[in-house]
Protein backbone atom coordinates (compact mmCIF):
# COMPACT_ATOMS: atom_id res chain seq x y z
CA MET A 1 106.12 132.74 93.03
CA ALA A 2 105.02 133.79 89.47
CA THR A 3 101.95 132.68 88.03
CA ASP A 4 101.40 131.31 84.43
CA ARG A 5 99.84 133.30 81.70
CA PRO A 6 96.11 132.69 81.10
CA GLY A 7 95.83 129.68 78.84
CA ARG A 8 99.33 128.60 79.01
CA SER A 9 99.31 124.74 79.31
CA ALA A 10 101.55 122.48 81.14
CA VAL A 11 102.72 121.26 77.72
CA ASP A 12 103.71 124.92 76.72
CA ARG A 13 105.92 125.21 79.92
CA ARG A 14 107.70 122.15 79.24
CA VAL A 15 108.33 123.25 75.75
CA GLU A 16 110.00 126.41 77.01
CA SER A 17 111.79 124.37 79.53
CA LEU A 18 113.40 122.16 77.14
CA ASP A 19 114.12 125.17 74.92
CA THR A 20 116.47 126.39 77.72
CA ILE A 21 118.61 123.38 77.47
CA ALA A 22 118.39 122.73 73.78
CA ALA A 23 121.96 124.02 73.22
CA VAL A 24 123.36 121.34 75.36
CA LEU A 25 120.67 118.68 74.72
CA PRO A 26 119.52 118.89 71.16
CA MET A 27 116.14 117.51 70.73
CA GLU A 28 114.51 117.25 67.22
CA ARG A 29 111.28 116.29 68.73
CA ARG A 30 110.86 118.77 71.34
CA ASP A 31 107.08 119.00 71.17
CA GLU A 32 106.58 115.46 71.28
CA LEU A 33 109.03 115.18 74.22
CA ALA A 34 107.09 117.92 75.96
CA GLU A 35 103.87 115.74 75.92
CA LEU A 36 105.49 112.54 76.78
CA LEU A 37 107.73 113.75 79.68
CA SER A 38 106.35 115.02 83.02
CA ASP A 39 107.27 118.23 84.74
CA GLN A 40 109.63 116.22 86.86
CA ASP A 41 111.36 114.49 84.04
CA VAL A 42 112.15 117.82 82.36
CA GLU A 43 113.39 119.22 85.61
CA THR A 44 115.55 116.24 86.27
CA LEU A 45 117.06 116.95 82.76
CA ARG A 46 117.53 120.63 83.50
CA HIS A 47 119.15 119.55 86.77
CA LEU A 48 121.69 117.24 85.15
CA VAL A 49 122.55 119.95 82.54
CA ASN A 50 123.46 122.25 85.42
CA GLN A 51 125.48 119.45 86.89
CA GLY A 52 127.65 119.23 83.84
CA MET A 53 126.72 115.68 82.73
CA GLY A 54 128.14 114.94 79.29
CA GLU A 55 126.10 115.74 76.26
CA ASN A 56 125.95 112.36 74.79
CA THR A 57 125.01 110.78 78.03
CA LEU A 58 122.27 113.28 78.52
CA ARG A 59 121.18 112.92 74.82
CA ALA A 60 120.76 109.03 75.33
CA LEU A 61 119.18 109.46 78.66
CA ALA A 62 116.62 111.87 77.35
CA SER A 63 115.92 109.26 74.31
CA ASP A 64 115.64 106.29 76.57
CA LEU A 65 113.38 108.34 78.91
CA ALA A 66 111.14 109.42 76.00
CA TYR A 67 110.90 105.86 74.79
CA LEU A 68 109.96 104.42 78.07
CA GLN A 69 107.31 107.01 78.52
CA ALA A 70 105.89 106.27 75.08
CA TRP A 71 105.95 102.29 75.71
CA SER A 72 104.21 102.84 79.14
CA LEU A 73 101.51 104.80 77.50
CA ALA A 74 101.01 102.36 74.69
CA ALA A 75 101.14 99.36 76.76
CA ASN A 76 99.42 100.37 79.94
CA GLY A 77 97.59 103.59 78.95
CA SER A 78 99.47 105.60 81.75
CA SER A 79 102.68 107.28 82.44
CA LEU A 80 105.64 105.52 83.97
CA PRO A 81 104.98 104.70 87.67
CA TRP A 82 107.77 105.55 90.23
CA PRO A 83 108.99 103.26 91.30
CA ALA A 84 108.15 100.61 88.84
CA PRO A 85 106.73 97.45 90.19
CA GLU A 86 108.56 94.20 89.17
CA ALA A 87 105.73 92.94 87.00
CA LEU A 88 106.24 96.11 84.71
CA LEU A 89 109.91 95.40 84.38
CA LEU A 90 109.26 91.98 83.39
CA LYS A 91 106.60 92.92 80.77
CA PHE A 92 109.16 95.38 79.34
CA VAL A 93 111.60 92.36 78.71
CA ALA A 94 108.79 90.40 77.40
CA HIS A 95 107.83 93.09 74.93
CA HIS A 96 111.26 93.64 73.64
CA LEU A 97 113.33 90.41 73.74
CA TRP A 98 111.28 87.40 72.12
CA ASP A 99 111.72 84.58 69.70
CA PRO A 100 110.98 85.53 66.14
CA GLU A 101 110.27 81.97 65.13
CA ARG A 102 107.84 81.51 67.95
CA ARG A 103 105.87 84.62 66.99
CA VAL A 104 105.34 83.22 63.44
CA ILE A 105 103.44 80.23 65.41
CA ASN A 106 101.91 82.55 68.20
CA PRO A 107 101.18 86.17 67.25
CA GLN A 108 100.37 86.92 71.01
CA HIS A 109 104.26 86.41 71.68
CA GLY A 110 106.41 89.46 72.30
CA ILE A 111 105.14 92.75 72.03
CA PRO A 112 101.32 93.17 71.12
CA THR A 113 100.55 94.28 67.76
CA ASP A 114 98.61 97.50 68.96
CA VAL A 115 101.48 98.51 70.99
CA GLU A 116 103.89 97.95 68.50
CA ASP A 117 101.91 99.75 65.82
CA ARG A 118 101.47 102.99 68.27
CA LEU A 119 105.26 103.16 68.84
CA ARG A 120 105.98 102.65 65.08
CA LEU A 121 103.55 105.36 64.05
CA GLN A 122 105.30 107.74 66.76
CA GLY A 123 108.55 106.84 65.26
CA PHE A 124 109.89 104.92 68.23
CA LEU A 125 110.33 101.81 66.62
CA ARG A 126 111.94 101.52 63.16
CA SER A 127 113.13 97.91 62.59
CA THR A 128 111.11 94.80 62.88
CA GLY A 129 111.87 91.89 65.22
CA PRO A 130 113.07 92.22 68.93
CA HIS A 131 115.28 94.71 70.33
CA ALA A 132 119.11 94.23 70.79
CA PRO A 133 119.83 92.80 74.19
CA ASP A 134 122.27 95.87 74.82
CA THR A 135 119.62 98.35 74.01
CA VAL A 136 117.04 96.72 76.56
CA ARG A 137 119.93 96.63 79.40
CA ARG A 138 120.51 100.22 78.78
CA ARG A 139 116.94 101.47 78.98
CA LEU A 140 116.47 99.21 82.17
CA ALA A 141 119.61 100.99 83.33
CA THR A 142 118.26 104.34 82.57
CA TRP A 143 114.92 103.44 84.17
CA SER A 144 116.89 102.25 87.35
CA THR A 145 119.15 105.56 87.43
CA LEU A 146 116.07 107.74 87.12
CA THR A 147 114.37 105.81 90.02
CA LYS A 148 117.47 106.35 92.25
CA TRP A 149 117.78 110.10 91.42
CA ARG A 150 113.93 110.29 92.64
CA GLY A 151 115.16 108.93 95.87
CA LEU A 152 113.40 105.87 95.42
CA ASP A 153 114.29 101.94 95.31
CA GLY A 154 113.31 99.90 92.51
CA SER A 155 113.28 96.15 91.75
CA PHE A 156 115.93 96.33 88.99
CA SER A 157 118.22 93.86 90.82
CA SER A 158 115.52 91.07 91.63
CA PRO A 159 116.39 87.57 90.89
CA ALA A 160 113.11 87.23 88.62
CA LEU A 161 114.16 90.14 86.45
CA LYS A 162 117.98 88.98 86.06
CA SER A 163 116.66 85.63 85.32
CA ALA A 164 114.22 86.97 82.68
CA LEU A 165 116.69 88.73 80.92
CA ARG A 166 119.24 85.99 80.75
CA LEU A 167 116.51 83.46 79.38
CA ALA A 168 115.22 86.24 76.86
CA VAL A 169 118.72 86.77 75.52
CA ARG A 170 119.20 83.15 74.92
CA ALA A 171 115.82 83.06 73.16
CA THR A 172 116.84 86.02 70.80
CA PRO A 173 120.53 85.03 69.68
CA ARG A 174 122.08 87.85 67.75
CA PRO A 175 125.61 87.92 66.71
CA ARG A 176 127.68 90.51 68.17
CA LYS A 177 128.70 93.20 65.72
CA ARG A 178 131.51 95.80 65.99
CA ARG A 179 130.57 99.58 65.53
CA SER A 180 132.74 99.45 62.76
CA ALA A 181 133.19 96.18 60.86
CA LYS A 182 136.71 97.10 59.68
CA ALA A 183 139.42 99.05 61.42
CA VAL A 184 140.79 102.21 59.73
CA THR A 185 144.44 101.37 59.90
CA GLY A 186 147.04 103.26 58.32
CA ASP A 187 146.81 101.73 54.73
CA VAL A 188 142.87 102.46 54.73
CA LEU A 189 143.57 105.83 55.93
CA ALA A 190 145.90 106.77 53.46
CA ARG A 191 143.26 105.63 50.87
CA LEU A 192 140.74 107.88 52.32
CA LEU A 193 142.97 110.84 52.57
CA ALA A 194 143.73 110.42 48.75
CA THR A 195 140.25 111.44 47.85
CA CYS A 196 141.02 114.60 49.79
CA ARG A 197 143.25 115.77 46.85
CA THR A 198 142.16 119.35 46.07
CA ASP A 199 142.40 122.52 47.98
CA SER A 200 138.57 123.06 48.15
CA LEU A 201 137.03 123.87 51.59
CA ARG A 202 135.27 120.38 51.87
CA ASP A 203 138.49 118.33 51.04
CA THR A 204 140.66 120.58 53.29
CA ARG A 205 138.23 119.99 56.20
CA ASP A 206 137.66 116.47 55.71
CA ARG A 207 141.58 115.82 55.52
CA ALA A 208 141.70 117.66 58.87
CA ILE A 209 139.07 115.69 60.32
CA LEU A 210 140.29 112.24 59.49
CA MET A 211 144.02 113.05 60.46
CA VAL A 212 143.11 114.78 63.60
CA ALA A 213 140.61 112.11 64.82
CA PHE A 214 143.02 109.15 63.99
CA ALA A 215 146.42 110.77 65.24
CA SER A 216 144.94 111.99 68.33
CA GLY A 217 144.31 108.63 69.51
CA GLY A 218 141.39 107.57 67.48
CA ARG A 219 139.04 110.36 69.14
CA ARG A 220 135.27 109.83 69.33
CA ARG A 221 133.07 111.42 66.87
CA SER A 222 131.52 113.47 69.35
CA GLU A 223 134.78 114.75 70.58
CA ILE A 224 135.80 115.78 66.96
CA ALA A 225 132.42 117.34 66.24
CA THR A 226 132.33 119.36 69.30
CA LEU A 227 135.99 120.19 69.19
CA ARG A 228 136.65 124.12 69.71
CA LYS A 229 139.68 126.37 68.79
CA GLU A 230 139.96 127.50 72.54
CA GLN A 231 140.80 123.65 73.19
CA LEU A 232 143.96 123.92 71.13
CA SER A 233 147.24 125.04 72.55
CA PRO A 234 150.24 125.35 70.40
CA GLU A 235 153.33 123.73 71.89
CA GLU A 236 157.04 123.98 70.93
CA PRO A 237 158.10 122.33 67.62
CA ILE A 238 159.87 119.01 68.10
CA ARG A 239 162.52 117.32 66.16
CA VAL A 240 162.47 113.63 65.40
CA ASP A 241 165.84 111.80 64.27
CA GLY A 242 167.57 115.08 63.57
CA GLY A 243 164.93 116.09 60.92
CA PRO A 244 163.48 119.47 60.53
CA PRO A 245 161.21 120.74 63.51
CA LEU A 246 157.64 119.55 63.39
CA PRO A 247 154.65 121.60 64.54
CA SER A 248 152.96 120.69 67.58
CA LEU A 249 149.84 121.24 69.77
CA SER A 250 147.98 119.94 72.56
CA ILE A 251 144.26 119.28 72.33
CA HIS A 252 142.46 119.78 75.82
CA LEU A 253 139.61 117.43 75.77
CA GLY A 254 138.17 118.37 79.11
CA ARG A 255 136.00 115.89 80.67
CA THR A 256 135.32 112.79 78.48
CA LYS A 257 133.23 109.64 78.48
CA THR A 258 135.89 107.69 80.61
CA SER A 259 137.28 110.73 82.60
CA GLY A 260 136.55 111.67 86.06
CA THR A 261 134.49 114.96 86.68
CA ASP A 262 137.34 117.32 87.31
CA GLU A 263 139.65 115.64 84.91
CA ASP A 264 141.22 117.59 81.91
CA GLU A 265 142.29 114.85 79.50
CA VAL A 266 145.07 116.00 77.01
CA VAL A 267 146.38 114.67 73.82
CA TYR A 268 149.19 115.82 71.57
CA LEU A 269 149.42 116.12 67.94
CA ASN A 270 152.79 116.47 65.83
CA GLY A 271 153.44 116.98 62.20
CA ARG A 272 151.23 116.42 59.25
CA PRO A 273 147.79 116.53 61.36
CA VAL A 274 148.82 119.69 62.75
CA GLU A 275 149.48 121.21 59.37
CA ALA A 276 146.22 119.66 58.10
CA LEU A 277 144.36 121.27 61.02
CA TYR A 278 145.98 124.69 60.63
CA ALA A 279 145.27 124.73 56.81
CA TRP A 280 141.66 124.20 57.53
CA LEU A 281 141.42 126.96 60.13
CA GLU A 282 143.04 129.47 57.74
CA ALA A 283 140.97 128.32 54.79
CA ALA A 284 137.77 128.52 56.86
CA LYS A 285 138.88 131.78 58.60
CA ILE A 286 138.07 130.21 61.97
CA ASP A 287 139.84 131.98 64.87
CA LYS A 288 137.22 131.11 67.66
CA GLY A 289 134.59 128.63 68.50
CA SER A 290 133.82 125.32 66.67
CA VAL A 291 136.55 123.95 64.70
CA PHE A 292 134.75 121.51 62.30
CA ARG A 293 131.71 123.13 60.65
CA ALA A 294 129.20 122.34 57.96
CA ILE A 295 129.68 123.67 54.44
CA ASP A 296 126.69 124.42 52.36
CA ARG A 297 126.33 123.92 48.53
CA TRP A 298 127.65 127.33 47.83
CA GLY A 299 130.98 127.05 49.99
CA ASN A 300 129.57 129.07 53.00
CA VAL A 301 131.11 127.70 56.20
CA SER A 302 128.43 127.47 59.05
CA PRO A 303 128.99 128.99 62.52
CA ARG A 304 127.65 125.80 64.21
CA PRO A 305 129.60 122.71 64.72
CA LEU A 306 129.02 119.45 62.99
CA ASP A 307 126.70 117.08 64.24
CA PRO A 308 128.66 113.91 65.49
CA LYS A 309 126.71 111.72 62.95
CA ALA A 310 128.25 114.09 60.13
CA ILE A 311 131.76 112.52 61.31
CA ASN A 312 130.40 108.98 60.74
CA ASP A 313 129.07 110.28 57.28
CA ILE A 314 132.32 111.69 56.21
CA VAL A 315 134.21 108.46 57.06
CA LYS A 316 131.45 106.48 54.73
CA GLN A 317 131.68 109.22 52.07
CA ARG A 318 135.33 109.07 51.75
CA ALA A 319 135.42 105.00 51.87
CA GLU A 320 133.02 105.09 48.97
CA LEU A 321 135.16 107.51 46.96
CA ALA A 322 138.41 105.42 47.79
CA GLY A 323 136.60 102.22 46.32
CA LEU A 324 135.95 100.68 49.71
CA ASP A 325 132.59 99.36 50.86
CA PRO A 326 131.12 102.14 52.90
CA THR A 327 128.87 99.90 55.14
CA GLN A 328 132.35 98.18 56.49
CA PHE A 329 133.61 101.63 57.94
CA SER A 330 132.32 104.18 60.34
CA ALA A 331 133.83 106.98 62.53
CA HIS A 332 134.61 104.30 65.40
CA GLY A 333 136.88 102.53 62.80
CA LEU A 334 139.20 105.37 63.42
CA ARG A 335 139.41 104.59 67.14
CA SER A 336 139.91 100.84 66.60
CA GLY A 337 142.30 101.35 63.66
CA TYR A 338 144.54 103.66 65.87
CA LEU A 339 145.23 100.86 68.47
CA THR A 340 145.29 98.25 65.65
CA GLU A 341 147.91 100.44 63.90
CA ALA A 342 149.92 101.04 67.06
CA ALA A 343 149.96 97.29 67.60
CA ASN A 344 151.11 96.60 64.02
CA ARG A 345 154.11 99.10 64.47
CA GLY A 346 155.08 97.74 67.75
CA ILE A 347 154.36 100.46 69.82
CA PRO A 348 153.81 99.47 73.55
CA LEU A 349 150.10 99.19 74.72
CA PRO A 350 150.67 101.76 77.65
CA GLU A 351 152.06 104.29 75.33
CA ALA A 352 149.14 103.94 72.86
CA MET A 353 146.49 104.23 75.63
CA GLU A 354 148.08 107.55 76.98
CA GLN A 355 147.08 108.86 73.40
CA SER A 356 143.75 107.00 72.94
CA ARG A 357 142.81 107.74 76.69
CA HIS A 358 141.20 104.07 77.00
CA ARG A 359 140.57 103.36 80.60
CA SER A 360 140.20 99.61 80.12
CA VAL A 361 143.35 97.67 79.39
CA GLN A 362 141.12 94.71 78.50
CA GLN A 363 139.34 96.34 75.80
CA ALA A 364 142.50 98.32 74.55
CA SER A 365 144.64 95.26 74.55
CA SER A 366 141.85 93.28 72.41
CA TYR A 367 143.12 95.22 69.29
CA TYR A 368 146.67 94.29 70.17
CA ASN A 369 145.96 90.71 70.66
CA ASN A 370 143.97 90.42 67.32
CA ALA A 371 146.97 92.10 65.44
CA THR A 372 149.52 89.65 67.02
CA ARG A 373 147.38 86.41 66.52
CA ARG A 374 146.80 87.63 62.93
CA SER A 375 150.62 87.79 61.94
CA GLY A 376 151.61 85.37 64.68
CA ARG A 377 153.06 81.70 64.14
CA ALA A 378 150.01 79.91 65.18
CA ALA A 379 148.07 81.52 62.28
CA MET A 380 150.74 80.36 59.67
CA LEU A 381 151.41 76.84 60.12
CA LEU A 382 150.74 75.97 56.60
């Protein structure tokens, strides 16, 4: 077994270990994570990368683990214990789900001020007020998952914890918000595309992103940002109603958020979206690697893929250029908009789900139900 170089600390080793998985698990705060996470934490992440866990899942897991460690150090002065005692889990709930009105009367209610200040100073807390219940549940789920991966049992299913969560959520009512307040339906998409009116690289790229993301079933922003040329397969042109042949291609999504480990999800594009995509590939001179890339101020195309957040930014920028409220739209609006538009056009739900690759009929049908209710007789009694 190799020995470490003289003076090489455990933190240095963890920094190097994190570097080896940075390509799959981007980390902006590598040095800070190296100090927060234990050797076993980093080794767990490396193992999961090698097992092929999805990038978004890994990114969220690493973020949650870092937050949990930072909270434990701030609240208890020590790293997370494995397994965590029930009392610590209850403390986590009490520190993150609390009643803002009660805190005005009792400053000791909720997260202690010194703990909050330390987390805020480290950049782990940005907004004021209690956490969203879904965020607390997700972090507890991450904590539970990591406990199981260590071959240990935790108290995450205890009646006391379930009761504490239920009561805390009642005490911190928050209206549920969609990730995109408004769906990007066909009419909205047309307005966004109208802002891509020139043949500039940026307009050509954004036109292709919007059309491909929507027409391929409302692809998630991570799937669009990480799309590679090697995933595209030309198909035989198709004819519709005796018209001219339309270009066609298949997109091999591989493993997605909702697919199984060995499944290769495939969706198809025909017509205008294919033409828009080919126009971008030709203009950017892309023959391999990442399809959608950043463009600098001088018009140079980066060899690296866009960050998933950039897809969201593009939707908002195009919405603003179209005279729409950018706060009402996001990349997820393309996904919800695809299903809503399919419902408006009378496309059967199973057929739309084949393209969107939704696994939950309940989730997908909610868009159909909303579209039907909005135009149905019950909504037009007067």
